[in-house]
Amino acid sequence: MEKFKRFLCNPPFTEEDDDLGAYHCQYYIDEKLVAVGVIDILPTCLSSVYLYYDPQYSALTIGTLAALFEVDMTRELYGRHPSIKWYYMGFYLHRCPKMRYKAAFRPSLLLCPRSYTWWPIENCQDMLDKAKYAEFGEGIADEPTVSEVELGTVKVLYQRRLCIYSVYKGLVSEDKYGDFLQTYVTIFGWENVKDFCIIA
């Protein structure tokens, strides 16, 4: 219960922070509570933290409705606090159907996880369609890829014996680690991954 309260109920702000803090926005239809949106009003943005709703009303796309209310609230806050100029929709998982509605808002930016630069979502969607993990920074796509031969040299502990990945692939009927290794090389670079030891 403490973790729940810390995540959704206890704001880290003092009373002097005026409008700043965590809020629960309640959405009613005919006096029935159908959804609750948790938001943080921060010094430079309104951050949409979480939304939960009655599944009987899922056809109403309440996430989209709540986002529109929150955008309007951000504009209203900007009138009183000019430093609050951003609306942050939270995490965007491209392959999660419940989050796809976020991609419909324009203008909308995604943060590149490597370069920490913001990119228009419409420039990122093709990359996200092709891979679970994508980077949008300039020059990142031009980085050298790691060959199958190099990946084959990663150490694997399999049935209490140490072997290399290329040998491991020949011992098993299904290779569960190929995508994992490629993703880790993309994120951390070959210099860091080459010393990994996979415990299979």
C-alpha atoms as a PDB file:
ATOM      1  CA  MET A   1       0.000   0.000   0.000  1.00  0.00           C
ATOM      2  CA  GLU A   2       2.899   2.373   0.735  1.00  0.00           C
ATOM      3  CA  LYS A   3       4.213   2.002  -2.843  1.00  0.00           C
ATOM      4  CA  PHE A   4       0.753   2.728  -4.217  1.00  0.00           C
ATOM      5  CA  LYS A   5       0.447   5.880  -2.092  1.00  0.00           C
ATOM      6  CA  ARG A   6       3.926   7.048  -3.085  1.00  0.00           C
ATOM      7  CA  PHE A   7       3.199   6.436  -6.795  1.00  0.00           C
ATOM      8  CA  LEU A   8      -0.286   7.920  -7.040  1.00  0.00           C
ATOM      9  CA  CYS A   9      -1.117   9.896  -3.898  1.00  0.00           C
ATOM     10  CA  ASN A  10       1.817  11.649  -2.207  1.00  0.00           C
ATOM     11  CA  PRO A  11       3.141  14.635  -4.170  1.00  0.00           C
ATOM     12  CA  PRO A  12       6.734  15.748  -3.553  1.00  0.00           C
ATOM     13  CA  PHE A  13       5.752  19.430  -3.434  1.00  0.00           C
ATOM     14  CA  THR A  14       5.345  21.908  -0.614  1.00  0.00           C
ATOM     15  CA  GLU A  15       2.268  24.043  -0.022  1.00  0.00           C
ATOM     16  CA  GLU A  16       4.121  27.068  -1.388  1.00  0.00           C
ATOM     17  CA  ASP A  17       4.263  25.449  -4.840  1.00  0.00           C
ATOM     18  CA  ASP A  18       0.774  26.812  -5.624  1.00  0.00           C
ATOM     19  CA  ASP A  19      -0.823  24.617  -8.345  1.00  0.00           C
ATOM     20  CA  LEU A  20       2.039  22.099  -8.464  1.00  0.00           C
ATOM     21  CA  GLY A  21       1.373  18.558  -7.287  1.00  0.00           C
ATOM     22  CA  ALA A  22      -0.436  15.306  -7.971  1.00  0.00           C
ATOM     23  CA  TYR A  23      -4.140  15.330  -8.773  1.00  0.00           C
ATOM     24  CA  HIS A  24      -6.870  12.794  -9.475  1.00  0.00           C
ATOM     25  CA  CYS A  25      -9.258  13.949 -12.213  1.00  0.00           C
ATOM     26  CA  GLN A  26     -12.602  12.197 -11.972  1.00  0.00           C
ATOM     27  CA  TYR A  27     -14.792  11.615 -15.031  1.00  0.00           C
ATOM     28  CA  TYR A  28     -18.537  11.061 -14.567  1.00  0.00           C
ATOM     29  CA  ILE A  29     -21.377  10.058 -16.880  1.00  0.00           C
ATOM     30  CA  ASP A  30     -24.878  10.529 -15.434  1.00  0.00           C
ATOM     31  CA  GLU A  31     -23.418  10.848 -11.933  1.00  0.00           C
ATOM     32  CA  LYS A  32     -21.529   7.536 -12.291  1.00  0.00           C
ATOM     33  CA  LEU A  33     -17.748   7.582 -11.892  1.00  0.00           C
ATOM     34  CA  VAL A  34     -16.368   5.999 -15.090  1.00  0.00           C
ATOM     35  CA  ALA A  35     -12.686   6.981 -15.028  1.00  0.00           C
ATOM     36  CA  VAL A  36      -9.944   8.530 -12.933  1.00  0.00           C
ATOM     37  CA  GLY A  37      -6.920  10.243 -14.442  1.00  0.00           C
ATOM     38  CA  VAL A  38      -3.827  10.775 -12.308  1.00  0.00           C
ATOM     39  CA  ILE A  39      -1.766  13.813 -13.302  1.00  0.00           C
ATOM     40  CA  ASP A  40       1.277  15.645 -11.991  1.00  0.00           C
ATOM     41  CA  ILE A  41       1.487  19.379 -12.461  1.00  0.00           C
ATOM     42  CA  LEU A  42       5.218  20.058 -12.592  1.00  0.00           C
ATOM     43  CA  PRO A  43       7.179  23.327 -12.937  1.00  0.00           C
ATOM     44  CA  THR A  44       7.337  23.069 -16.760  1.00  0.00           C
ATOM     45  CA  CYS A  45       4.595  20.610 -17.756  1.00  0.00           C
ATOM     46  CA  LEU A  46       1.437  18.729 -16.991  1.00  0.00           C
ATOM     47  CA  SER A  47       2.336  15.039 -16.907  1.00  0.00           C
ATOM     48  CA  SER A  48      -0.330  12.407 -17.496  1.00  0.00           C
ATOM     49  CA  VAL A  49       0.655   9.620 -15.088  1.00  0.00           C
ATOM     50  CA  TYR A  50      -2.101   7.036 -15.253  1.00  0.00           C
ATOM     51  CA  LEU A  51      -5.723   6.542 -16.289  1.00  0.00           C
ATOM     52  CA  TYR A  52      -8.032   3.800 -15.135  1.00  0.00           C
ATOM     53  CA  TYR A  53     -11.621   3.391 -16.242  1.00  0.00           C
ATOM     54  CA  ASP A  54     -14.676   1.171 -16.156  1.00  0.00           C
ATOM     55  CA  PRO A  55     -14.244  -1.296 -19.054  1.00  0.00           C
ATOM     56  CA  GLN A  56     -17.973  -1.001 -19.837  1.00  0.00           C
ATOM     57  CA  TYR A  57     -17.134   2.421 -21.285  1.00  0.00           C
ATOM     58  CA  SER A  58     -14.074   1.434 -23.330  1.00  0.00           C
ATOM     59  CA  ALA A  59     -15.923   2.151 -26.601  1.00  0.00           C
ATOM     60  CA  LEU A  60     -15.887   5.838 -25.633  1.00  0.00           C
ATOM     61  CA  THR A  61     -12.053   5.957 -25.941  1.00  0.00           C
ATOM     62  CA  ILE A  62     -11.815   7.620 -22.557  1.00  0.00           C
ATOM     63  CA  GLY A  63      -8.004   7.869 -22.853  1.00  0.00           C
ATOM     64  CA  THR A  64      -8.410  10.232 -25.803  1.00  0.00           C
ATOM     65  CA  LEU A  65     -11.096  12.236 -24.020  1.00  0.00           C
ATOM     66  CA  ALA A  66      -8.949  12.545 -20.886  1.00  0.00           C
ATOM     67  CA  ALA A  67      -5.952  13.649 -22.987  1.00  0.00           C
ATOM     68  CA  LEU A  68      -8.050  16.405 -24.586  1.00  0.00           C
ATOM     69  CA  PHE A  69      -9.152  17.642 -21.150  1.00  0.00           C
ATOM     70  CA  GLU A  70      -5.533  17.560 -19.970  1.00  0.00           C
ATOM     71  CA  VAL A  71      -4.330  19.519 -23.021  1.00  0.00           C
ATOM     72  CA  ASP A  72      -6.976  22.141 -22.230  1.00  0.00           C
ATOM     73  CA  MET A  73      -5.866  22.164 -18.590  1.00  0.00           C
ATOM     74  CA  THR A  74      -2.237  22.685 -19.698  1.00  0.00           C
ATOM     75  CA  ARG A  75      -3.302  25.713 -21.758  1.00  0.00           C
ATOM     76  CA  GLU A  76      -5.219  27.109 -18.790  1.00  0.00           C
ATOM     77  CA  LEU A  77      -2.221  26.583 -16.474  1.00  0.00           C
ATOM     78  CA  TYR A  78       0.067  28.320 -18.978  1.00  0.00           C
ATOM     79  CA  GLY A  79      -2.071  31.449 -18.569  1.00  0.00           C
ATOM     80  CA  ARG A  80      -1.240  31.522 -14.842  1.00  0.00           C
ATOM     81  CA  HIS A  81       2.240  29.933 -14.979  1.00  0.00           C
ATOM     82  CA  PRO A  82       4.073  30.685 -18.265  1.00  0.00           C
ATOM     83  CA  SER A  83       6.758  28.107 -17.387  1.00  0.00           C
ATOM     84  CA  ILE A  84       4.154  25.321 -17.757  1.00  0.00           C
ATOM     85  CA  LYS A  85       4.180  25.001 -21.528  1.00  0.00           C
ATOM     86  CA  TRP A  86       4.304  21.249 -22.176  1.00  0.00           C
ATOM     87  CA  TYR A  87       1.841  18.392 -21.980  1.00  0.00           C
ATOM     88  CA  TYR A  88       3.591  15.080 -21.361  1.00  0.00           C
ATOM     89  CA  MET A  89       1.511  12.024 -22.277  1.00  0.00           C
ATOM     90  CA  GLY A  90       3.842   9.592 -20.535  1.00  0.00           C
ATOM     91  CA  PHE A  91       5.379   6.470 -21.948  1.00  0.00           C
ATOM     92  CA  TYR A  92       4.543   5.444 -25.494  1.00  0.00           C
ATOM     93  CA  LEU A  93       4.809   1.741 -26.299  1.00  0.00           C
ATOM     94  CA  HIS A  94       4.188   1.532 -30.027  1.00  0.00           C
ATOM     95  CA  ARG A  95       3.124  -2.113 -29.980  1.00  0.00           C
ATOM     96  CA  CYS A  96       0.720  -1.722 -27.064  1.00  0.00           C
ATOM     97  CA  PRO A  97      -2.817  -1.293 -28.479  1.00  0.00           C
ATOM     98  CA  LYS A  98      -3.960   0.641 -25.388  1.00  0.00           C
ATOM     99  CA  MET A  99      -1.305   3.305 -26.030  1.00  0.00           C
ATOM    100  CA  ARG A 100      -1.692   3.728 -29.793  1.00  0.00           C
ATOM    101  CA  TYR A 101      -4.168   6.596 -29.350  1.00  0.00           C
ATOM    102  CA  LYS A 102      -1.257   8.785 -28.202  1.00  0.00           C
ATOM    103  CA  ALA A 103       0.224   8.731 -31.717  1.00  0.00           C
ATOM    104  CA  ALA A 104      -2.849  10.532 -33.076  1.00  0.00           C
ATOM    105  CA  PHE A 105      -2.057  13.788 -31.252  1.00  0.00           C
ATOM    106  CA  ARG A 106      -0.130  16.418 -33.227  1.00  0.00           C
ATOM    107  CA  PRO A 107       2.326  17.917 -32.779  1.00  0.00           C
ATOM    108  CA  SER A 108       3.769  15.076 -30.739  1.00  0.00           C
ATOM    109  CA  LEU A 109       7.407  14.306 -29.977  1.00  0.00           C
ATOM    110  CA  LEU A 110       9.237  11.157 -28.885  1.00  0.00           C
ATOM    111  CA  LEU A 111      12.492  11.167 -26.962  1.00  0.00           C
ATOM    112  CA  CYS A 112      15.373   9.249 -28.545  1.00  0.00           C
ATOM    113  CA  PRO A 113      16.672   6.916 -25.813  1.00  0.00           C
ATOM    114  CA  ARG A 114      20.289   7.340 -26.875  1.00  0.00           C
ATOM    115  CA  SER A 115      20.715  10.954 -28.013  1.00  0.00           C
ATOM    116  CA  TYR A 116      18.072  12.377 -25.617  1.00  0.00           C
ATOM    117  CA  THR A 117      16.717  14.576 -28.397  1.00  0.00           C
ATOM    118  CA  TRP A 118      13.050  15.024 -29.310  1.00  0.00           C
ATOM    119  CA  TRP A 119      11.691  13.814 -32.673  1.00  0.00           C
ATOM    120  CA  PRO A 120       8.279  14.239 -34.358  1.00  0.00           C
ATOM    121  CA  ILE A 121       6.341  11.014 -33.876  1.00  0.00           C
ATOM    122  CA  GLU A 122       5.462  10.803 -37.574  1.00  0.00           C
ATOM    123  CA  ASN A 123       9.200  10.515 -38.349  1.00  0.00           C
ATOM    124  CA  CYS A 124       9.563   7.624 -35.892  1.00  0.00           C
ATOM    125  CA  GLN A 125       6.601   5.354 -36.608  1.00  0.00           C
ATOM    126  CA  ASP A 126       8.162   3.428 -39.529  1.00  0.00           C
ATOM    127  CA  MET A 127      11.179   2.588 -37.365  1.00  0.00           C
ATOM    128  CA  LEU A 128       8.921   1.499 -34.503  1.00  0.00           C
ATOM    129  CA  ASP A 129       6.883  -0.688 -36.879  1.00  0.00           C
ATOM    130  CA  LYS A 130      10.072  -2.585 -37.773  1.00  0.00           C
ATOM    131  CA  ALA A 131      11.661  -3.033 -34.350  1.00  0.00           C
ATOM    132  CA  LYS A 132      10.694  -3.070 -30.676  1.00  0.00           C
ATOM    133  CA  TYR A 133      13.552  -0.695 -29.906  1.00  0.00           C
ATOM    134  CA  ALA A 134      14.426   2.263 -32.107  1.00  0.00           C
ATOM    135  CA  GLU A 135      16.670   5.313 -31.938  1.00  0.00           C
ATOM    136  CA  PHE A 136      15.936   8.497 -33.830  1.00  0.00           C
ATOM    137  CA  GLY A 137      19.097  10.563 -33.400  1.00  0.00           C
ATOM    138  CA  GLU A 138      21.073  11.734 -36.407  1.00  0.00           C
ATOM    139  CA  GLY A 139      23.871   9.394 -37.412  1.00  0.00           C
ATOM    140  CA  ILE A 140      22.681   6.597 -35.149  1.00  0.00           C
ATOM    141  CA  ALA A 141      21.302   4.596 -38.069  1.00  0.00           C
ATOM    142  CA  ASP A 142      24.741   4.806 -39.717  1.00  0.00           C
ATOM    143  CA  GLU A 143      26.542   3.095 -36.853  1.00  0.00           C
ATOM    144  CA  PRO A 144      28.223  -0.167 -37.880  1.00  0.00           C
ATOM    145  CA  THR A 145      26.222  -3.302 -37.232  1.00  0.00           C
ATOM    146  CA  VAL A 146      27.660  -6.377 -35.567  1.00  0.00           C
ATOM    147  CA  SER A 147      28.140  -9.425 -37.771  1.00  0.00           C
ATOM    148  CA  GLU A 148      26.762 -12.892 -37.010  1.00  0.00           C
ATOM    149  CA  VAL A 149      30.364 -14.053 -36.576  1.00  0.00           C
ATOM    150  CA  GLU A 150      30.973 -11.452 -33.864  1.00  0.00           C
ATOM    151  CA  LEU A 151      27.656 -12.256 -32.121  1.00  0.00           C
ATOM    152  CA  GLY A 152      28.649 -15.904 -32.253  1.00  0.00           C
ATOM    153  CA  THR A 153      31.567 -15.208 -29.907  1.00  0.00           C
ATOM    154  CA  VAL A 154      29.380 -14.149 -26.959  1.00  0.00           C
ATOM    155  CA  LYS A 155      29.717 -16.614 -24.072  1.00  0.00           C
ATOM    156  CA  VAL A 156      26.764 -18.814 -23.062  1.00  0.00           C
ATOM    157  CA  LEU A 157      26.445 -20.961 -19.950  1.00  0.00           C
ATOM    158  CA  TYR A 158      24.310 -23.892 -21.110  1.00  0.00           C
ATOM    159  CA  GLN A 159      23.693 -27.036 -19.047  1.00  0.00           C
ATOM    160  CA  ARG A 160      26.541 -26.076 -16.684  1.00  0.00           C
ATOM    161  CA  ARG A 161      29.034 -25.776 -19.538  1.00  0.00           C
ATOM    162  CA  LEU A 162      30.515 -22.667 -21.035  1.00  0.00           C
ATOM    163  CA  CYS A 163      30.341 -22.355 -24.805  1.00  0.00           C
ATOM    164  CA  ILE A 164      30.039 -19.591 -27.365  1.00  0.00           C
ATOM    165  CA  TYR A 165      26.754 -18.419 -28.833  1.00  0.00           C
ATOM    166  CA  SER A 166      27.384 -19.913 -32.298  1.00  0.00           C
ATOM    167  CA  VAL A 167      27.847 -23.373 -30.707  1.00  0.00           C
ATOM    168  CA  TYR A 168      24.818 -22.880 -28.437  1.00  0.00           C
ATOM    169  CA  LYS A 169      22.599 -22.195 -31.494  1.00  0.00           C
ATOM    170  CA  GLY A 170      23.563 -25.590 -32.884  1.00  0.00           C
ATOM    171  CA  LEU A 171      22.667 -27.353 -29.627  1.00  0.00           C
ATOM    172  CA  VAL A 172      19.102 -26.053 -29.230  1.00  0.00           C
ATOM    173  CA  SER A 173      16.003 -26.354 -31.392  1.00  0.00           C
ATOM    174  CA  GLU A 174      14.876 -22.767 -30.748  1.00  0.00           C
ATOM    175  CA  ASP A 175      17.216 -19.776 -30.378  1.00  0.00           C
ATOM    176  CA  LYS A 176      15.699 -17.430 -27.799  1.00  0.00           C
ATOM    177  CA  TYR A 177      18.577 -14.966 -27.611  1.00  0.00           C
ATOM    178  CA  GLY A 178      19.196 -13.602 -31.133  1.00  0.00           C
ATOM    179  CA  ASP A 179      16.845 -10.615 -30.861  1.00  0.00           C
ATOM    180  CA  PHE A 180      17.946 -10.041 -27.278  1.00  0.00           C
ATOM    181  CA  LEU A 181      21.617  -9.773 -28.310  1.00  0.00           C
ATOM    182  CA  GLN A 182      20.905  -7.494 -31.270  1.00  0.00           C
ATOM    183  CA  THR A 183      18.819  -5.198 -29.050  1.00  0.00           C
ATOM    184  CA  TYR A 184      21.536  -5.054 -26.404  1.00  0.00           C
ATOM    185  CA  VAL A 185      24.195  -4.307 -29.013  1.00  0.00           C
ATOM    186  CA  THR A 186      22.002  -1.443 -30.285  1.00  0.00           C
ATOM    187  CA  ILE A 187      21.486  -0.045 -26.801  1.00  0.00           C
ATOM    188  CA  PHE A 188      24.869  -0.606 -25.157  1.00  0.00           C
ATOM    189  CA  GLY A 189      27.280  -1.039 -28.065  1.00  0.00           C
ATOM    190  CA  TRP A 190      29.329  -4.076 -29.048  1.00  0.00           C
ATOM    191  CA  GLU A 191      32.232  -3.141 -26.768  1.00  0.00           C
ATOM    192  CA  ASN A 192      29.982  -3.655 -23.739  1.00  0.00           C
ATOM    193  CA  VAL A 193      28.043  -6.680 -25.012  1.00  0.00           C
ATOM    194  CA  LYS A 194      31.005  -8.762 -26.215  1.00  0.00           C
ATOM    195  CA  ASP A 195      31.882  -9.625 -22.610  1.00  0.00           C
ATOM    196  CA  PHE A 196      28.348 -10.751 -21.705  1.00  0.00           C
ATOM    197  CA  CYS A 197      27.714 -14.290 -20.548  1.00  0.00           C
ATOM    198  CA  ILE A 198      24.187 -15.516 -21.250  1.00  0.00           C
ATOM    199  CA  ILE A 199      22.864 -18.035 -18.747  1.00  0.00           C
ATOM    200  CA  ALA A 200      20.562 -20.248 -20.796  1.00  0.00           C
END
